[in-house]
Amino acid sequence: MDSLHIIYWSMAGVGTLVVVVLLILGLDHDFDFGGDVDVGFDTDVALDMAHDLAVAHEGPSPLGLKTIMAFVGGWGWGGLIGLDTLKWGLFSLPFGMAVGLALAAVVFYFMRFLYAQEATSTVGVVHMVGQEGVVLTTIPSGGTGEIRLNVRGTSLKCLARSESTEAVPAGATVSVVEEVGGTLLVRPIRL
């Protein structure tokens, strides 16, 4: 076996193996980060750093691990086809590269399709501001009470303080103004 065969077989094997393992294990994000924020009773809200910190993340990267490995594997398989089936010798290199690019594009667009199908239940503070809620436990003047919010299809109970010095009775409707130190600052809605 000559060195070109060894290179192509190595590229095909490693690239294909990595892509298949990543797809089987469900690792659909190349680099991900996040955390949890405790905003009150019975509520752990996942903080999606990419959205809450206004860092754009529109799905898989064209330079992500799966896309690169698809390119490497495709180049290996294309090179083997060009070398053994088509008998192109060194011309199998550009043919393999073209096959690699085509396979990388297929994997990239497939991953983008999967990403677009994902539903998210991630709720961050940015999703709460401006939302209306109902006071569950009276918010005393200068003190803390509890409210219920429905945000992105999720019912949340959160600690809350009134933005004014007045007390807000249980059952009142409030609007979330901001979050300060894990407590929501709310404004009563006058009807």
N, C-alpha and C. Protein backbone atom coordinates (compact mmCIF):
# COMPACT_ATOMS: atom_id res chain seq x y z
N MET A 1 0.86 -1.17 0.00
CA MET A 1 0.00 0.00 0.00
C MET A 1 0.90 1.23 0.00
N ASP A 2 0.65 2.16 -0.91
CA ASP A 2 1.49 3.35 -0.98
C ASP A 2 1.03 4.39 0.04
N SER A 3 1.82 5.45 0.20
CA SER A 3 1.55 6.45 1.24
C SER A 3 0.24 7.21 1.01
N LEU A 4 -0.16 7.42 -0.24
CA LEU A 4 -1.41 8.12 -0.52
C LEU A 4 -2.62 7.31 -0.02
N HIS A 5 -2.55 5.98 -0.19
CA HIS A 5 -3.61 5.12 0.35
C HIS A 5 -3.68 5.23 1.87
N ILE A 6 -2.54 5.20 2.52
CA ILE A 6 -2.50 5.27 3.99
C ILE A 6 -3.09 6.60 4.47
N ILE A 7 -2.72 7.68 3.79
CA ILE A 7 -3.24 9.01 4.16
C ILE A 7 -4.75 9.05 3.98
N TYR A 8 -5.23 8.60 2.83
CA TYR A 8 -6.68 8.63 2.56
C TYR A 8 -7.45 7.76 3.54
N TRP A 9 -6.96 6.53 3.79
CA TRP A 9 -7.65 5.64 4.73
C TRP A 9 -7.66 6.25 6.14
N SER A 10 -6.57 6.87 6.54
CA SER A 10 -6.51 7.51 7.87
C SER A 10 -7.51 8.65 7.96
N MET A 11 -7.54 9.51 6.93
CA MET A 11 -8.48 10.63 6.92
C MET A 11 -9.93 10.13 6.94
N ALA A 12 -10.22 9.15 6.08
CA ALA A 12 -11.57 8.61 6.00
C ALA A 12 -12.00 7.99 7.33
N GLY A 13 -11.12 7.19 7.92
CA GLY A 13 -11.45 6.51 9.17
C GLY A 13 -11.64 7.44 10.34
N VAL A 14 -10.67 8.33 10.55
CA VAL A 14 -10.74 9.25 11.69
C VAL A 14 -11.92 10.21 11.53
N GLY A 15 -12.06 10.82 10.36
CA GLY A 15 -13.15 11.77 10.14
C GLY A 15 -14.51 11.14 10.33
N THR A 16 -14.72 9.98 9.74
CA THR A 16 -16.01 9.29 9.85
C THR A 16 -16.28 8.87 11.28
N LEU A 17 -15.30 8.30 11.95
CA LEU A 17 -15.46 7.85 13.32
C LEU A 17 -15.84 9.00 14.25
N VAL A 18 -15.15 10.13 14.15
CA VAL A 18 -15.44 11.26 15.02
C VAL A 18 -16.85 11.79 14.77
N VAL A 19 -17.24 11.95 13.51
CA VAL A 19 -18.58 12.46 13.20
C VAL A 19 -19.65 11.51 13.71
N VAL A 20 -19.49 10.22 13.48
CA VAL A 20 -20.49 9.24 13.91
C VAL A 20 -20.60 9.22 15.43
N VAL A 21 -19.47 9.24 16.13
CA VAL A 21 -19.49 9.23 17.59
C VAL A 21 -20.18 10.49 18.12
N LEU A 22 -19.86 11.65 17.55
CA LEU A 22 -20.50 12.90 18.01
C LEU A 22 -22.00 12.90 17.74
N LEU A 23 -22.41 12.37 16.61
CA LEU A 23 -23.84 12.32 16.30
C LEU A 23 -24.58 11.32 17.19
N ILE A 24 -23.96 10.15 17.45
CA ILE A 24 -24.59 9.13 18.29
C ILE A 24 -24.72 9.62 19.73
N LEU A 25 -23.68 10.29 20.22
CA LEU A 25 -23.70 10.77 21.60
C LEU A 25 -24.57 12.00 21.77
N GLY A 26 -25.05 12.55 20.65
CA GLY A 26 -25.92 13.71 20.74
C GLY A 26 -25.21 15.00 21.06
N LEU A 27 -23.94 15.05 20.80
CA LEU A 27 -23.18 16.27 21.07
C LEU A 27 -23.38 17.22 19.91
N ASP A 28 -24.48 17.98 19.96
CA ASP A 28 -24.83 18.82 18.82
C ASP A 28 -24.35 20.25 18.96
N HIS A 29 -23.64 20.57 20.04
CA HIS A 29 -23.04 21.90 20.17
C HIS A 29 -21.55 21.70 20.36
N ASP A 30 -20.77 22.35 19.54
CA ASP A 30 -19.32 22.18 19.62
C ASP A 30 -18.75 22.79 20.89
N PHE A 31 -19.16 24.00 21.21
CA PHE A 31 -18.69 24.67 22.41
C PHE A 31 -19.90 25.32 23.05
N ASP A 32 -20.20 24.97 24.30
CA ASP A 32 -21.39 25.47 24.96
C ASP A 32 -21.00 25.91 26.36
N PHE A 33 -21.68 26.91 26.86
CA PHE A 33 -21.45 27.34 28.21
C PHE A 33 -22.74 27.86 28.78
N GLY A 34 -22.86 27.83 30.10
CA GLY A 34 -24.10 28.28 30.73
C GLY A 34 -23.96 28.19 32.22
N GLY A 35 -25.04 28.45 32.91
CA GLY A 35 -25.01 28.40 34.36
C GLY A 35 -26.43 28.43 34.88
N ASP A 36 -26.54 28.49 36.21
CA ASP A 36 -27.85 28.56 36.83
C ASP A 36 -27.92 29.81 37.69
N VAL A 37 -29.10 30.39 37.76
CA VAL A 37 -29.33 31.55 38.60
C VAL A 37 -30.51 31.21 39.50
N ASP A 38 -30.36 31.39 40.80
CA ASP A 38 -31.44 31.15 41.72
C ASP A 38 -32.15 32.48 41.95
N VAL A 39 -33.41 32.57 41.49
CA VAL A 39 -34.15 33.82 41.62
C VAL A 39 -35.27 33.72 42.65
N GLY A 40 -35.27 32.74 43.47
CA GLY A 40 -36.26 32.67 44.54
C GLY A 40 -36.74 31.28 44.84
N PHE A 41 -37.83 31.22 45.58
CA PHE A 41 -38.43 29.95 45.97
C PHE A 41 -38.69 29.07 44.77
N ASP A 42 -38.40 27.81 44.89
CA ASP A 42 -38.78 26.79 43.92
C ASP A 42 -38.39 27.14 42.48
N THR A 43 -37.41 27.97 42.29
CA THR A 43 -37.09 28.39 40.94
C THR A 43 -35.59 28.35 40.71
N ASP A 44 -35.17 27.54 39.83
CA ASP A 44 -33.82 27.60 39.30
C ASP A 44 -33.97 27.93 37.83
N VAL A 45 -33.46 29.04 37.43
CA VAL A 45 -33.61 29.49 36.06
C VAL A 45 -32.28 29.33 35.37
N ALA A 46 -32.26 28.57 34.28
CA ALA A 46 -31.03 28.39 33.53
C ALA A 46 -30.72 29.68 32.80
N LEU A 47 -29.49 30.12 32.94
CA LEU A 47 -29.06 31.35 32.28
C LEU A 47 -28.36 30.96 30.99
N ASP A 48 -28.95 31.31 29.88
CA ASP A 48 -28.37 31.02 28.58
C ASP A 48 -27.45 32.17 28.24
N MET A 49 -26.15 31.98 28.50
CA MET A 49 -25.18 33.05 28.35
C MET A 49 -25.16 33.61 26.94
N ALA A 50 -25.34 32.78 25.96
CA ALA A 50 -25.26 33.26 24.57
C ALA A 50 -26.34 34.28 24.27
N HIS A 51 -27.54 34.11 24.87
CA HIS A 51 -28.62 35.05 24.59
C HIS A 51 -28.65 36.19 25.60
N ASP A 52 -28.49 35.89 26.88
CA ASP A 52 -28.62 36.92 27.90
C ASP A 52 -27.48 37.91 27.88
N LEU A 53 -26.33 37.51 27.41
CA LEU A 53 -25.21 38.44 27.32
C LEU A 53 -25.06 39.00 25.92
N ALA A 54 -26.09 38.79 25.12
CA ALA A 54 -26.15 39.32 23.75
C ALA A 54 -24.99 38.84 22.88
N VAL A 55 -24.54 37.64 23.14
CA VAL A 55 -23.53 37.05 22.28
C VAL A 55 -24.28 36.25 21.22
N ALA A 56 -24.08 36.61 19.98
CA ALA A 56 -24.83 35.95 18.90
C ALA A 56 -24.38 34.51 18.76
N HIS A 57 -25.32 33.61 18.72
CA HIS A 57 -25.03 32.20 18.48
C HIS A 57 -26.19 31.66 17.67
N GLU A 58 -25.99 31.48 16.42
CA GLU A 58 -27.06 31.09 15.52
C GLU A 58 -27.01 29.61 15.17
N GLY A 59 -26.44 28.79 16.01
CA GLY A 59 -26.39 27.36 15.74
C GLY A 59 -24.97 26.90 15.51
N PRO A 60 -24.83 25.74 14.88
CA PRO A 60 -23.51 25.16 14.67
C PRO A 60 -22.63 26.05 13.79
N SER A 61 -21.37 25.99 14.05
CA SER A 61 -20.40 26.78 13.29
C SER A 61 -19.93 26.01 12.06
N PRO A 62 -19.69 26.72 10.94
CA PRO A 62 -19.12 26.03 9.78
C PRO A 62 -17.70 25.54 10.07
N LEU A 63 -17.09 26.05 11.12
CA LEU A 63 -15.77 25.59 11.52
C LEU A 63 -15.83 24.77 12.79
N GLY A 64 -16.98 24.18 13.07
CA GLY A 64 -17.14 23.32 14.23
C GLY A 64 -16.48 21.97 14.02
N LEU A 65 -16.31 21.24 15.09
CA LEU A 65 -15.62 19.95 15.05
C LEU A 65 -16.28 18.96 14.09
N LYS A 66 -17.60 18.84 14.13
CA LYS A 66 -18.28 17.88 13.24
C LYS A 66 -18.09 18.26 11.77
N THR A 67 -18.19 19.55 11.46
CA THR A 67 -18.03 19.99 10.08
C THR A 67 -16.60 19.74 9.59
N ILE A 68 -15.63 20.05 10.41
CA ILE A 68 -14.23 19.83 10.02
C ILE A 68 -13.95 18.34 9.85
N MET A 69 -14.46 17.53 10.76
CA MET A 69 -14.23 16.08 10.66
C MET A 69 -14.96 15.49 9.46
N ALA A 70 -16.13 16.05 9.11
CA ALA A 70 -16.82 15.61 7.90
C ALA A 70 -15.99 15.95 6.66
N PHE A 71 -15.36 17.11 6.67
CA PHE A 71 -14.49 17.50 5.56
C PHE A 71 -13.30 16.54 5.45
N VAL A 72 -12.68 16.25 6.59
CA VAL A 72 -11.52 15.35 6.59
C VAL A 72 -11.93 13.95 6.11
N GLY A 73 -13.02 13.43 6.67
CA GLY A 73 -13.50 12.10 6.26
C GLY A 73 -13.91 12.07 4.80
N GLY A 74 -14.61 13.10 4.34
CA GLY A 74 -15.02 13.17 2.94
C GLY A 74 -13.84 13.26 2.00
N TRP A 75 -12.82 14.01 2.40
CA TRP A 75 -11.61 14.10 1.58
C TRP A 75 -10.95 12.73 1.48
N GLY A 76 -10.92 12.01 2.60
CA GLY A 76 -10.33 10.66 2.57
C GLY A 76 -11.11 9.72 1.67
N TRP A 77 -12.45 9.68 1.83
CA TRP A 77 -13.26 8.80 0.99
C TRP A 77 -13.21 9.22 -0.48
N GLY A 78 -13.29 10.53 -0.74
CA GLY A 78 -13.20 11.02 -2.12
C GLY A 78 -11.85 10.71 -2.74
N GLY A 79 -10.79 10.85 -1.93
CA GLY A 79 -9.45 10.52 -2.42
C GLY A 79 -9.33 9.06 -2.78
N LEU A 80 -9.90 8.18 -1.96
CA LEU A 80 -9.87 6.74 -2.25
C LEU A 80 -10.65 6.42 -3.53
N ILE A 81 -11.79 7.08 -3.71
CA ILE A 81 -12.57 6.87 -4.94
C ILE A 81 -11.77 7.34 -6.14
N GLY A 82 -11.18 8.53 -6.03
CA GLY A 82 -10.39 9.07 -7.14
C GLY A 82 -9.16 8.24 -7.45
N LEU A 83 -8.55 7.69 -6.41
CA LEU A 83 -7.31 6.93 -6.59
C LEU A 83 -7.58 5.51 -7.08
N ASP A 84 -8.51 4.81 -6.45
CA ASP A 84 -8.73 3.40 -6.77
C ASP A 84 -9.77 3.17 -7.87
N THR A 85 -10.88 3.88 -7.81
CA THR A 85 -11.95 3.64 -8.78
C THR A 85 -11.71 4.39 -10.08
N LEU A 86 -11.38 5.66 -9.97
CA LEU A 86 -11.20 6.48 -11.17
C LEU A 86 -9.77 6.43 -11.72
N LYS A 87 -8.83 5.90 -10.92
CA LYS A 87 -7.42 5.76 -11.32
C LYS A 87 -6.80 7.11 -11.71
N TRP A 88 -7.05 8.16 -10.90
CA TRP A 88 -6.58 9.49 -11.22
C TRP A 88 -5.23 9.84 -10.60
N GLY A 89 -4.68 8.98 -9.79
CA GLY A 89 -3.38 9.25 -9.19
C GLY A 89 -3.41 10.51 -8.33
N LEU A 90 -2.49 11.45 -8.61
CA LEU A 90 -2.42 12.69 -7.82
C LEU A 90 -3.64 13.60 -8.04
N PHE A 91 -4.36 13.42 -9.13
CA PHE A 91 -5.57 14.21 -9.35
C PHE A 91 -6.70 13.80 -8.39
N SER A 92 -6.45 12.73 -7.65
CA SER A 92 -7.42 12.34 -6.63
C SER A 92 -7.42 13.34 -5.46
N LEU A 93 -6.34 14.10 -5.30
CA LEU A 93 -6.27 15.09 -4.22
C LEU A 93 -7.35 16.17 -4.37
N PRO A 94 -7.45 16.87 -5.52
CA PRO A 94 -8.52 17.88 -5.63
C PRO A 94 -9.92 17.25 -5.65
N PHE A 95 -10.04 16.05 -6.22
CA PHE A 95 -11.33 15.36 -6.22
C PHE A 95 -11.75 15.05 -4.78
N GLY A 96 -10.81 14.54 -3.99
CA GLY A 96 -11.09 14.24 -2.58
C GLY A 96 -11.46 15.49 -1.81
N MET A 97 -10.76 16.60 -2.11
CA MET A 97 -11.07 17.86 -1.43
C MET A 97 -12.49 18.32 -1.77
N ALA A 98 -12.88 18.18 -3.02
CA ALA A 98 -14.23 18.57 -3.44
C ALA A 98 -15.28 17.71 -2.74
N VAL A 99 -15.04 16.42 -2.64
CA VAL A 99 -15.96 15.53 -1.94
C VAL A 99 -16.02 15.92 -0.46
N GLY A 100 -14.86 16.24 0.12
CA GLY A 100 -14.81 16.67 1.52
C GLY A 100 -15.62 17.94 1.77
N LEU A 101 -15.47 18.91 0.86
CA LEU A 101 -16.25 20.15 0.99
C LEU A 101 -17.75 19.89 0.87
N ALA A 102 -18.11 19.03 -0.07
CA ALA A 102 -19.53 18.70 -0.25
C ALA A 102 -20.08 18.00 1.00
N LEU A 103 -19.34 17.05 1.55
CA LEU A 103 -19.80 16.34 2.75
C LEU A 103 -19.85 17.27 3.96
N ALA A 104 -18.87 18.16 4.08
CA ALA A 104 -18.87 19.13 5.19
C ALA A 104 -20.10 20.03 5.08
N ALA A 105 -20.44 20.45 3.86
CA ALA A 105 -21.62 21.29 3.66
C ALA A 105 -22.89 20.54 4.05
N VAL A 106 -22.98 19.27 3.67
CA VAL A 106 -24.15 18.47 4.01
C VAL A 106 -24.29 18.34 5.54
N VAL A 107 -23.19 18.02 6.21
CA VAL A 107 -23.23 17.87 7.67
C VAL A 107 -23.57 19.21 8.33
N PHE A 108 -22.95 20.30 7.86
CA PHE A 108 -23.21 21.62 8.44
C PHE A 108 -24.68 21.99 8.30
N TYR A 109 -25.25 21.84 7.11
CA TYR A 109 -26.65 22.21 6.92
C TYR A 109 -27.60 21.26 7.64
N PHE A 110 -27.22 20.00 7.79
CA PHE A 110 -28.02 19.06 8.57
C PHE A 110 -28.02 19.47 10.04
N MET A 111 -26.86 19.86 10.56
CA MET A 111 -26.77 20.29 11.95
C MET A 111 -27.55 21.59 12.16
N ARG A 112 -27.52 22.50 11.20
CA ARG A 112 -28.31 23.74 11.29
C ARG A 112 -29.80 23.41 11.30
N PHE A 113 -30.20 22.44 10.48
CA PHE A 113 -31.60 22.00 10.46
C PHE A 113 -32.00 21.46 11.83
N LEU A 114 -31.17 20.59 12.41
CA LEU A 114 -31.47 20.04 13.73
C LEU A 114 -31.53 21.13 14.79
N TYR A 115 -30.61 22.07 14.72
CA TYR A 115 -30.57 23.17 15.68
C TYR A 115 -31.86 24.00 15.59
N ALA A 116 -32.32 24.25 14.38
CA ALA A 116 -33.53 25.04 14.17
C ALA A 116 -34.76 24.32 14.71
N GLN A 117 -34.72 22.99 14.81
CA GLN A 117 -35.86 22.21 15.30
C GLN A 117 -35.93 22.16 16.81
N GLU A 118 -34.85 22.55 17.48
CA GLU A 118 -34.82 22.48 18.93
C GLU A 118 -35.76 23.49 19.55
N ALA A 119 -36.51 23.05 20.51
CA ALA A 119 -37.32 23.97 21.30
C ALA A 119 -36.52 24.31 22.55
N THR A 120 -36.67 25.50 23.02
CA THR A 120 -35.93 25.87 24.22
C THR A 120 -36.89 26.23 25.34
N SER A 121 -36.56 25.78 26.52
CA SER A 121 -37.32 26.16 27.70
C SER A 121 -36.43 26.98 28.62
N THR A 122 -35.31 27.42 28.10
CA THR A 122 -34.40 28.23 28.89
C THR A 122 -35.05 29.57 29.19
N VAL A 123 -35.06 29.92 30.46
CA VAL A 123 -35.65 31.18 30.89
C VAL A 123 -34.57 31.95 31.62
N GLY A 124 -34.29 33.14 31.15
CA GLY A 124 -33.31 34.01 31.81
C GLY A 124 -34.00 35.27 32.31
N VAL A 125 -33.28 36.03 33.08
CA VAL A 125 -33.80 37.28 33.61
C VAL A 125 -34.27 38.18 32.47
N VAL A 126 -33.55 38.18 31.37
CA VAL A 126 -33.92 39.01 30.23
C VAL A 126 -35.32 38.67 29.72
N HIS A 127 -35.76 37.43 29.91
CA HIS A 127 -37.10 37.01 29.47
C HIS A 127 -38.19 37.44 30.45
N MET A 128 -37.80 37.74 31.70
CA MET A 128 -38.78 38.10 32.73
C MET A 128 -39.13 39.59 32.70
N VAL A 129 -38.16 40.43 32.36
CA VAL A 129 -38.40 41.88 32.38
C VAL A 129 -39.51 42.23 31.40
N GLY A 130 -40.49 42.98 31.89
CA GLY A 130 -41.62 43.38 31.07
C GLY A 130 -42.81 42.43 31.18
N GLN A 131 -42.62 41.27 31.78
CA GLN A 131 -43.70 40.30 31.92
C GLN A 131 -44.60 40.67 33.10
N GLU A 132 -45.85 40.27 32.99
CA GLU A 132 -46.80 40.49 34.07
C GLU A 132 -46.89 39.24 34.93
N GLY A 133 -47.11 39.46 36.23
CA GLY A 133 -47.26 38.36 37.15
C GLY A 133 -48.30 38.68 38.20
N VAL A 134 -48.58 37.72 39.07
CA VAL A 134 -49.55 37.87 40.15
C VAL A 134 -48.82 37.70 41.47
N VAL A 135 -49.12 38.59 42.40
CA VAL A 135 -48.50 38.53 43.72
C VAL A 135 -49.11 37.36 44.50
N LEU A 136 -48.26 36.45 44.96
CA LEU A 136 -48.72 35.29 45.75
C LEU A 136 -48.67 35.61 47.24
N THR A 137 -47.57 36.21 47.66
CA THR A 137 -47.38 36.59 49.05
C THR A 137 -47.23 38.11 49.07
N THR A 138 -48.02 38.79 49.88
CA THR A 138 -48.00 40.26 49.93
C THR A 138 -46.56 40.77 49.99
N ILE A 139 -46.33 41.80 49.20
CA ILE A 139 -45.02 42.46 49.20
C ILE A 139 -45.15 43.65 50.14
N PRO A 140 -44.57 43.56 51.35
CA PRO A 140 -44.71 44.67 52.31
C PRO A 140 -43.89 45.88 51.87
N SER A 141 -44.22 47.03 52.41
CA SER A 141 -43.48 48.26 52.11
C SER A 141 -42.01 48.06 52.49
N GLY A 142 -41.14 48.16 51.50
CA GLY A 142 -39.70 47.99 51.73
C GLY A 142 -39.28 46.55 51.94
N GLY A 143 -40.20 45.60 51.77
CA GLY A 143 -39.87 44.19 52.01
C GLY A 143 -39.99 43.34 50.76
N THR A 144 -39.91 42.04 50.97
CA THR A 144 -39.92 41.08 49.87
C THR A 144 -41.13 40.16 49.98
N GLY A 145 -41.76 39.91 48.83
CA GLY A 145 -42.87 38.97 48.74
C GLY A 145 -42.58 37.97 47.64
N GLU A 146 -43.63 37.31 47.17
CA GLU A 146 -43.45 36.30 46.13
C GLU A 146 -44.48 36.51 45.03
N ILE A 147 -44.04 36.34 43.78
CA ILE A 147 -44.94 36.48 42.64
C ILE A 147 -44.86 35.23 41.78
N ARG A 148 -45.88 35.05 40.93
CA ARG A 148 -45.89 33.96 39.95
C ARG A 148 -45.89 34.60 38.57
N LEU A 149 -44.97 34.12 37.72
CA LEU A 149 -44.86 34.58 36.33
C LEU A 149 -45.03 33.40 35.40
N ASN A 150 -45.57 33.63 34.24
CA ASN A 150 -45.56 32.63 33.17
C ASN A 150 -44.64 33.18 32.08
N VAL A 151 -43.49 32.56 31.94
CA VAL A 151 -42.49 33.02 30.99
C VAL A 151 -42.11 31.88 30.06
N ARG A 152 -42.28 32.09 28.75
CA ARG A 152 -41.92 31.10 27.74
C ARG A 152 -42.54 29.74 28.04
N GLY A 153 -43.78 29.74 28.50
CA GLY A 153 -44.49 28.50 28.75
C GLY A 153 -44.14 27.84 30.07
N THR A 154 -43.37 28.53 30.91
CA THR A 154 -42.96 27.97 32.20
C THR A 154 -43.50 28.85 33.32
N SER A 155 -44.15 28.23 34.29
CA SER A 155 -44.66 28.96 35.44
C SER A 155 -43.56 29.05 36.49
N LEU A 156 -43.27 30.27 36.93
CA LEU A 156 -42.18 30.49 37.89
C LEU A 156 -42.68 31.21 39.12
N LYS A 157 -42.18 30.83 40.29
CA LYS A 157 -42.40 31.59 41.52
C LYS A 157 -41.09 32.26 41.85
N CYS A 158 -41.13 33.60 42.04
CA CYS A 158 -39.91 34.36 42.26
C CYS A 158 -40.09 35.34 43.41
N LEU A 159 -38.99 35.63 44.09
CA LEU A 159 -39.00 36.67 45.11
C LEU A 159 -39.11 38.02 44.41
N ALA A 160 -39.85 38.95 45.03
CA ALA A 160 -40.06 40.24 44.40
C ALA A 160 -40.15 41.35 45.44
N ARG A 161 -39.73 42.55 45.02
CA ARG A 161 -39.84 43.77 45.82
C ARG A 161 -40.55 44.80 44.97
N SER A 162 -41.28 45.71 45.60
CA SER A 162 -41.95 46.78 44.87
C SER A 162 -40.94 47.87 44.57
N GLU A 163 -41.03 48.46 43.37
CA GLU A 163 -40.11 49.55 43.02
C GLU A 163 -40.44 50.82 43.80
N SER A 164 -41.68 50.92 44.29
CA SER A 164 -42.07 52.07 45.11
C SER A 164 -42.04 51.65 46.58
N THR A 165 -42.36 52.56 47.46
CA THR A 165 -42.34 52.24 48.89
C THR A 165 -43.66 51.65 49.37
N GLU A 166 -44.66 51.57 48.49
CA GLU A 166 -45.97 51.06 48.90
C GLU A 166 -46.02 49.52 48.91
N ALA A 167 -46.86 49.00 49.78
CA ALA A 167 -47.07 47.55 49.85
C ALA A 167 -47.93 47.12 48.66
N VAL A 168 -47.75 45.88 48.22
CA VAL A 168 -48.55 45.34 47.12
C VAL A 168 -49.24 44.08 47.65
N PRO A 169 -50.58 44.08 47.67
CA PRO A 169 -51.31 42.96 48.27
C PRO A 169 -51.28 41.70 47.41
N ALA A 170 -51.50 40.57 48.06
CA ALA A 170 -51.61 39.30 47.34
C ALA A 170 -52.76 39.39 46.35
N GLY A 171 -52.58 38.82 45.18
CA GLY A 171 -53.60 38.84 44.15
C GLY A 171 -53.46 39.99 43.16
N ALA A 172 -52.63 40.99 43.50
CA ALA A 172 -52.44 42.13 42.60
C ALA A 172 -51.60 41.71 41.39
N THR A 173 -51.85 42.39 40.28
CA THR A 173 -51.07 42.15 39.07
C THR A 173 -49.91 43.14 39.03
N VAL A 174 -48.72 42.63 38.72
CA VAL A 174 -47.52 43.46 38.68
C VAL A 174 -46.77 43.23 37.37
N SER A 175 -45.90 44.18 37.05
CA SER A 175 -45.03 44.07 35.88
C SER A 175 -43.59 44.07 36.37
N VAL A 176 -42.77 43.18 35.82
CA VAL A 176 -41.37 43.08 36.22
C VAL A 176 -40.58 44.21 35.56
N VAL A 177 -39.87 44.98 36.38
CA VAL A 177 -39.10 46.12 35.89
C VAL A 177 -37.65 45.72 35.66
N GLU A 178 -37.07 45.04 36.63
CA GLU A 178 -35.68 44.57 36.52
C GLU A 178 -35.40 43.55 37.60
N GLU A 179 -34.18 43.03 37.59
CA GLU A 179 -33.75 42.07 38.59
C GLU A 179 -32.57 42.68 39.33
N VAL A 180 -32.62 42.65 40.65
CA VAL A 180 -31.54 43.20 41.46
C VAL A 180 -31.16 42.17 42.51
N GLY A 181 -29.96 41.64 42.42
CA GLY A 181 -29.46 40.71 43.43
C GLY A 181 -30.30 39.48 43.63
N GLY A 182 -30.88 38.93 42.57
CA GLY A 182 -31.67 37.71 42.66
C GLY A 182 -33.13 37.94 43.01
N THR A 183 -33.52 39.20 43.18
CA THR A 183 -34.91 39.54 43.49
C THR A 183 -35.44 40.41 42.35
N LEU A 184 -36.67 40.13 41.94
CA LEU A 184 -37.28 40.92 40.87
C LEU A 184 -37.87 42.20 41.44
N LEU A 185 -37.64 43.29 40.75
CA LEU A 185 -38.22 44.58 41.10
C LEU A 185 -39.49 44.73 40.26
N VAL A 186 -40.64 44.95 40.91
CA VAL A 186 -41.92 44.97 40.22
C VAL A 186 -42.66 46.29 40.40
N ARG A 187 -43.56 46.56 39.48
CA ARG A 187 -44.41 47.75 39.52
C ARG A 187 -45.86 47.26 39.48
N PRO A 188 -46.71 47.72 40.42
CA PRO A 188 -48.12 47.33 40.38
C PRO A 188 -48.77 47.89 39.12
N ILE A 189 -49.67 47.10 38.54
CA ILE A 189 -50.41 47.54 37.35
C ILE A 189 -51.76 48.05 37.83
N ARG A 190 -52.02 49.32 37.54
CA ARG A 190 -53.29 49.95 37.94
C ARG A 190 -54.31 49.71 36.85
N LEU A 191 -55.46 49.23 37.22
CA LEU A 191 -56.53 49.01 36.25
C LEU A 191 -57.51 50.13 36.23
